[in-house]
Amino acid sequence: MKLKNLFPFAAALALPLSLVSCGDESKKEEKKEEQGGSGPEASAPKDHTQIGKEVGAIMDSLMEGMSSISDKKSAEEFVASLEEQKASLSALLKAAKELDPPTAEEKAAVQALKDASDKKGEVMLGNLMKMMAESADAEAIGEVMGKINADQEMKKITEEIEALYDLKDTGEEPPATE
């Protein structure tokens, strides 16, 4: 796969990573699942900071899934798993909209979580790009992963979450496509 073809792939991967994440919240999410529930359905978040943490757990899970991509089959499995994640994000967005508008402190807390996620995402994306450059399946993986970029519902959800919390990108922008 030519390097210029990797850039649209990188942009497609960056879309779901442009949200919030935090520390090691994915382990907390796994504990919730073991206890019989996960995501917003298990326990309604009480404030915007908690919603940010739950969104972070979802984003951590997405990053872990992306980092396990090594061939077309694993890319297809990852893309298939996005529907459940998208439903959880949508439910969290709905819960956030039902609360009073976030305070400046809550927005700052969620921004801090996003900044931490961005750093982790940059490392993960770099590793994934290296794998893609070396993979014989790179073009097939890129085609499968391109479905992420075409998912208008996920794009709308992420944009609404970013707007609600006034989230700003503080990391590096993905390379521009030609």
C-alpha atoms as a PDB file:
ATOM      1  CA  MET A   1       0.000   0.000   0.000  1.00  0.00           C
ATOM      2  CA  LYS A   2       1.378   3.369  -0.958  1.00  0.00           C
ATOM      3  CA  LEU A   3       2.009   5.883   1.799  1.00  0.00           C
ATOM      4  CA  LYS A   4      -0.485   8.378   0.353  1.00  0.00           C
ATOM      5  CA  ASN A   5      -3.176   5.682   0.674  1.00  0.00           C
ATOM      6  CA  LEU A   6      -2.386   5.306   4.373  1.00  0.00           C
ATOM      7  CA  PHE A   7      -3.410   8.889   5.152  1.00  0.00           C
ATOM      8  CA  PRO A   8      -7.152   8.454   4.505  1.00  0.00           C
ATOM      9  CA  PHE A   9      -6.972   5.288   6.583  1.00  0.00           C
ATOM     10  CA  ALA A  10      -5.366   7.226   9.441  1.00  0.00           C
ATOM     11  CA  ALA A  11      -8.101   9.846   9.223  1.00  0.00           C
ATOM     12  CA  ALA A  12     -10.756   7.121   9.352  1.00  0.00           C
ATOM     13  CA  LEU A  13      -9.154   5.667  12.453  1.00  0.00           C
ATOM     14  CA  ALA A  14      -8.862   9.031  14.151  1.00  0.00           C
ATOM     15  CA  LEU A  15     -12.622   9.743  14.056  1.00  0.00           C
ATOM     16  CA  PRO A  16     -13.642   7.614  17.008  1.00  0.00           C
ATOM     17  CA  LEU A  17     -10.464   8.581  18.828  1.00  0.00           C
ATOM     18  CA  SER A  18     -11.360  12.242  18.679  1.00  0.00           C
ATOM     19  CA  LEU A  19     -13.534  11.826  21.746  1.00  0.00           C
ATOM     20  CA  VAL A  20     -12.876  11.477  25.419  1.00  0.00           C
ATOM     21  CA  SER A  21     -10.940   8.817  27.266  1.00  0.00           C
ATOM     22  CA  CYS A  22      -9.292   8.432  30.590  1.00  0.00           C
ATOM     23  CA  GLY A  23      -6.802   6.399  32.592  1.00  0.00           C
ATOM     24  CA  ASP A  24      -7.638   2.743  32.804  1.00  0.00           C
ATOM     25  CA  GLU A  25     -11.423   2.997  32.895  1.00  0.00           C
ATOM     26  CA  SER A  26     -11.772  -0.066  30.647  1.00  0.00           C
ATOM     27  CA  LYS A  27     -11.005  -2.304  33.618  1.00  0.00           C
ATOM     28  CA  LYS A  28     -13.889  -0.681  35.521  1.00  0.00           C
ATOM     29  CA  GLU A  29     -16.127  -1.313  32.509  1.00  0.00           C
ATOM     30  CA  GLU A  30     -15.111  -4.991  32.522  1.00  0.00           C
ATOM     31  CA  LYS A  31     -16.025  -5.225  36.215  1.00  0.00           C
ATOM     32  CA  LYS A  32     -19.462  -3.745  35.453  1.00  0.00           C
ATOM     33  CA  GLU A  33     -19.983  -6.383  32.764  1.00  0.00           C
ATOM     34  CA  GLU A  34     -19.037  -9.145  35.191  1.00  0.00           C
ATOM     35  CA  GLN A  35     -21.563  -7.757  37.673  1.00  0.00           C
ATOM     36  CA  GLY A  36     -24.353  -8.059  35.131  1.00  0.00           C
ATOM     37  CA  GLY A  37     -24.414  -4.783  33.262  1.00  0.00           C
ATOM     38  CA  SER A  38     -22.406  -2.214  31.465  1.00  0.00           C
ATOM     39  CA  GLY A  39     -22.635   1.209  29.998  1.00  0.00           C
ATOM     40  CA  PRO A  40     -25.386   3.691  30.626  1.00  0.00           C
ATOM     41  CA  GLU A  41     -28.099   1.073  31.082  1.00  0.00           C
ATOM     42  CA  ALA A  42     -26.417  -0.420  34.179  1.00  0.00           C
ATOM     43  CA  SER A  43     -26.380   2.773  36.244  1.00  0.00           C
ATOM     44  CA  ALA A  44     -27.431   6.207  35.089  1.00  0.00           C
ATOM     45  CA  PRO A  45     -24.578   8.702  35.391  1.00  0.00           C
ATOM     46  CA  LYS A  46     -25.242  11.418  37.930  1.00  0.00           C
ATOM     47  CA  ASP A  47     -23.095  14.195  36.469  1.00  0.00           C
ATOM     48  CA  HIS A  48     -21.158  15.207  33.383  1.00  0.00           C
ATOM     49  CA  THR A  49     -17.815  14.116  34.815  1.00  0.00           C
ATOM     50  CA  GLN A  50     -19.167  10.595  35.311  1.00  0.00           C
ATOM     51  CA  ILE A  51     -20.531  10.607  31.769  1.00  0.00           C
ATOM     52  CA  GLY A  52     -17.075  11.688  30.544  1.00  0.00           C
ATOM     53  CA  LYS A  53     -15.513   8.777  32.423  1.00  0.00           C
ATOM     54  CA  GLU A  54     -17.974   6.319  30.902  1.00  0.00           C
ATOM     55  CA  VAL A  55     -17.382   7.695  27.422  1.00  0.00           C
ATOM     56  CA  GLY A  56     -13.673   7.331  28.213  1.00  0.00           C
ATOM     57  CA  ALA A  57     -14.142   3.676  29.050  1.00  0.00           C
ATOM     58  CA  ILE A  58     -15.806   3.127  25.689  1.00  0.00           C
ATOM     59  CA  MET A  59     -13.014   4.952  23.891  1.00  0.00           C
ATOM     60  CA  ASP A  60     -10.389   2.893  25.748  1.00  0.00           C
ATOM     61  CA  SER A  61     -12.198  -0.234  24.607  1.00  0.00           C
ATOM     62  CA  LEU A  62     -12.207   1.035  21.028  1.00  0.00           C
ATOM     63  CA  MET A  63      -8.483   1.766  21.190  1.00  0.00           C
ATOM     64  CA  GLU A  64      -7.787  -1.707  22.541  1.00  0.00           C
ATOM     65  CA  GLY A  65      -9.834  -3.168  19.712  1.00  0.00           C
ATOM     66  CA  MET A  66      -7.996  -1.123  17.106  1.00  0.00           C
ATOM     67  CA  SER A  67      -4.634  -2.089  18.508  1.00  0.00           C
ATOM     68  CA  SER A  68      -5.506  -5.764  18.015  1.00  0.00           C
ATOM     69  CA  ILE A  69      -6.080  -5.355  14.268  1.00  0.00           C
ATOM     70  CA  SER A  70      -3.566  -7.383  12.316  1.00  0.00           C
ATOM     71  CA  ASP A  71      -5.444  -8.569   9.246  1.00  0.00           C
ATOM     72  CA  LYS A  72      -8.696  -8.165   7.317  1.00  0.00           C
ATOM     73  CA  LYS A  73     -10.612 -10.572   9.583  1.00  0.00           C
ATOM     74  CA  SER A  74      -9.652  -8.750  12.783  1.00  0.00           C
ATOM     75  CA  ALA A  75     -10.533  -5.421  11.124  1.00  0.00           C
ATOM     76  CA  GLU A  76     -13.976  -6.792  10.187  1.00  0.00           C
ATOM     77  CA  GLU A  77     -14.509  -7.989  13.771  1.00  0.00           C
ATOM     78  CA  PHE A  78     -13.546  -4.554  15.093  1.00  0.00           C
ATOM     79  CA  VAL A  79     -15.903  -2.723  12.733  1.00  0.00           C
ATOM     80  CA  ALA A  80     -18.738  -5.106  13.690  1.00  0.00           C
ATOM     81  CA  SER A  81     -18.160  -4.330  17.377  1.00  0.00           C
ATOM     82  CA  LEU A  82     -18.704  -0.607  16.756  1.00  0.00           C
ATOM     83  CA  GLU A  83     -22.515  -0.928  16.686  1.00  0.00           C
ATOM     84  CA  GLU A  84     -22.652  -1.803  20.390  1.00  0.00           C
ATOM     85  CA  GLN A  85     -20.196   0.965  21.250  1.00  0.00           C
ATOM     86  CA  LYS A  86     -22.175   3.434  19.163  1.00  0.00           C
ATOM     87  CA  ALA A  87     -25.393   2.513  21.015  1.00  0.00           C
ATOM     88  CA  SER A  88     -23.662   3.054  24.357  1.00  0.00           C
ATOM     89  CA  LEU A  89     -22.276   6.432  23.259  1.00  0.00           C
ATOM     90  CA  SER A  90     -25.705   7.470  22.022  1.00  0.00           C
ATOM     91  CA  ALA A  91     -27.278   6.556  25.378  1.00  0.00           C
ATOM     92  CA  LEU A  92     -24.599   8.532  27.227  1.00  0.00           C
ATOM     93  CA  LEU A  93     -25.186  11.540  24.984  1.00  0.00           C
ATOM     94  CA  LYS A  94     -28.903  11.330  25.714  1.00  0.00           C
ATOM     95  CA  ALA A  95     -28.214  11.146  29.465  1.00  0.00           C
ATOM     96  CA  ALA A  96     -25.871  14.137  29.238  1.00  0.00           C
ATOM     97  CA  LYS A  97     -28.503  16.190  27.424  1.00  0.00           C
ATOM     98  CA  GLU A  98     -31.021  15.410  30.182  1.00  0.00           C
ATOM     99  CA  LEU A  99     -28.734  16.963  32.802  1.00  0.00           C
ATOM    100  CA  ASP A 100     -28.311  20.668  33.404  1.00  0.00           C
ATOM    101  CA  PRO A 101     -25.672  22.110  31.047  1.00  0.00           C
ATOM    102  CA  PRO A 102     -22.137  21.197  32.119  1.00  0.00           C
ATOM    103  CA  THR A 103     -20.329  23.689  34.329  1.00  0.00           C
ATOM    104  CA  ALA A 104     -16.955  25.116  33.381  1.00  0.00           C
ATOM    105  CA  GLU A 105     -15.364  22.727  35.907  1.00  0.00           C
ATOM    106  CA  GLU A 106     -17.113  19.712  34.366  1.00  0.00           C
ATOM    107  CA  LYS A 107     -16.092  20.802  30.869  1.00  0.00           C
ATOM    108  CA  ALA A 108     -12.490  21.160  32.057  1.00  0.00           C
ATOM    109  CA  ALA A 109     -12.580  17.699  33.653  1.00  0.00           C
ATOM    110  CA  VAL A 110     -13.896  16.128  30.461  1.00  0.00           C
ATOM    111  CA  GLN A 111     -11.307  18.049  28.392  1.00  0.00           C
ATOM    112  CA  ALA A 112      -8.543  16.688  30.641  1.00  0.00           C
ATOM    113  CA  LEU A 113      -9.829  13.172  30.029  1.00  0.00           C
ATOM    114  CA  LYS A 114      -9.845  13.813  26.280  1.00  0.00           C
ATOM    115  CA  ASP A 115      -6.288  15.178  26.366  1.00  0.00           C
ATOM    116  CA  ALA A 116      -5.089  12.010  28.112  1.00  0.00           C
ATOM    117  CA  SER A 117      -6.899   9.928  25.517  1.00  0.00           C
ATOM    118  CA  ASP A 118      -5.354  11.883  22.665  1.00  0.00           C
ATOM    119  CA  LYS A 119      -1.861  11.019  23.917  1.00  0.00           C
ATOM    120  CA  LYS A 120      -2.716   7.311  24.113  1.00  0.00           C
ATOM    121  CA  GLY A 121      -4.444   7.469  20.741  1.00  0.00           C
ATOM    122  CA  GLU A 122      -1.403   8.992  19.046  1.00  0.00           C
ATOM    123  CA  VAL A 123       0.773   6.106  20.250  1.00  0.00           C
ATOM    124  CA  MET A 124      -1.815   3.514  19.215  1.00  0.00           C
ATOM    125  CA  LEU A 125      -2.292   5.129  15.815  1.00  0.00           C
ATOM    126  CA  GLY A 126       1.466   5.229  15.260  1.00  0.00           C
ATOM    127  CA  ASN A 127       1.744   1.520  16.038  1.00  0.00           C
ATOM    128  CA  LEU A 128      -1.200   0.731  13.806  1.00  0.00           C
ATOM    129  CA  MET A 129       0.237   2.768  10.943  1.00  0.00           C
ATOM    130  CA  LYS A 130       3.544   0.924  11.295  1.00  0.00           C
ATOM    131  CA  MET A 131       1.705  -2.408  11.162  1.00  0.00           C
ATOM    132  CA  MET A 132      -0.207  -1.212   8.077  1.00  0.00           C
ATOM    133  CA  ALA A 133       2.993  -0.186   6.317  1.00  0.00           C
ATOM    134  CA  GLU A 134       4.383  -3.680   6.857  1.00  0.00           C
ATOM    135  CA  SER A 135       1.194  -5.703   6.266  1.00  0.00           C
ATOM    136  CA  ALA A 136       0.403  -7.540   3.068  1.00  0.00           C
ATOM    137  CA  ASP A 137      -3.301  -7.076   3.986  1.00  0.00           C
ATOM    138  CA  ALA A 138      -2.978  -3.284   4.313  1.00  0.00           C
ATOM    139  CA  GLU A 139      -5.251  -2.409   1.403  1.00  0.00           C
ATOM    140  CA  ALA A 140      -7.960  -4.872   2.499  1.00  0.00           C
ATOM    141  CA  ILE A 141      -7.740  -3.621   6.091  1.00  0.00           C
ATOM    142  CA  GLY A 142      -7.982  -0.024   4.874  1.00  0.00           C
ATOM    143  CA  GLU A 143     -11.129  -0.809   2.892  1.00  0.00           C
ATOM    144  CA  VAL A 144     -12.798  -2.421   5.913  1.00  0.00           C
ATOM    145  CA  MET A 145     -11.750   0.367   8.261  1.00  0.00           C
ATOM    146  CA  GLY A 146     -12.973   2.980   5.794  1.00  0.00           C
ATOM    147  CA  LYS A 147     -16.487   2.042   6.936  1.00  0.00           C
ATOM    148  CA  ILE A 148     -15.769   3.939  10.145  1.00  0.00           C
ATOM    149  CA  ASN A 149     -15.330   7.165   8.225  1.00  0.00           C
ATOM    150  CA  ALA A 150     -18.591   6.550   6.348  1.00  0.00           C
ATOM    151  CA  ASP A 151     -20.594   6.060   9.569  1.00  0.00           C
ATOM    152  CA  GLN A 152     -22.564   9.305   9.709  1.00  0.00           C
ATOM    153  CA  GLU A 153     -24.407   8.307  12.891  1.00  0.00           C
ATOM    154  CA  MET A 154     -21.132   7.852  14.816  1.00  0.00           C
ATOM    155  CA  LYS A 155     -19.868  11.135  13.397  1.00  0.00           C
ATOM    156  CA  LYS A 156     -23.018  12.940  14.579  1.00  0.00           C
ATOM    157  CA  ILE A 157     -22.768  11.436  18.078  1.00  0.00           C
ATOM    158  CA  THR A 158     -19.112  12.395  18.447  1.00  0.00           C
ATOM    159  CA  GLU A 159     -19.747  15.911  17.151  1.00  0.00           C
ATOM    160  CA  GLU A 160     -22.610  16.409  19.612  1.00  0.00           C
ATOM    161  CA  ILE A 161     -20.507  15.201  22.549  1.00  0.00           C
ATOM    162  CA  GLU A 162     -17.636  17.467  21.489  1.00  0.00           C
ATOM    163  CA  ALA A 163     -20.023  20.439  21.178  1.00  0.00           C
ATOM    164  CA  LEU A 164     -21.719  19.764  24.521  1.00  0.00           C
ATOM    165  CA  TYR A 165     -18.401  19.845  26.364  1.00  0.00           C
ATOM    166  CA  ASP A 166     -16.651  22.400  24.114  1.00  0.00           C
ATOM    167  CA  LEU A 167     -13.896  19.843  23.497  1.00  0.00           C
ATOM    168  CA  LYS A 168     -10.816  21.080  21.676  1.00  0.00           C
ATOM    169  CA  ASP A 169      -8.111  19.100  19.945  1.00  0.00           C
ATOM    170  CA  THR A 170      -4.775  19.735  21.600  1.00  0.00           C
ATOM    171  CA  GLY A 171      -2.794  16.973  19.883  1.00  0.00           C
ATOM    172  CA  GLU A 172      -1.396  16.697  16.398  1.00  0.00           C
ATOM    173  CA  GLU A 173      -3.768  16.717  13.468  1.00  0.00           C
ATOM    174  CA  PRO A 174      -3.761  13.693  11.166  1.00  0.00           C
ATOM    175  CA  PRO A 175      -1.966  14.320   7.872  1.00  0.00           C
ATOM    176  CA  ALA A 176      -4.123  15.955   5.203  1.00  0.00           C
ATOM    177  CA  THR A 177      -5.284  13.776   2.352  1.00  0.00           C
ATOM    178  CA  GLU A 178      -4.391  14.637  -1.233  1.00  0.00           C
END
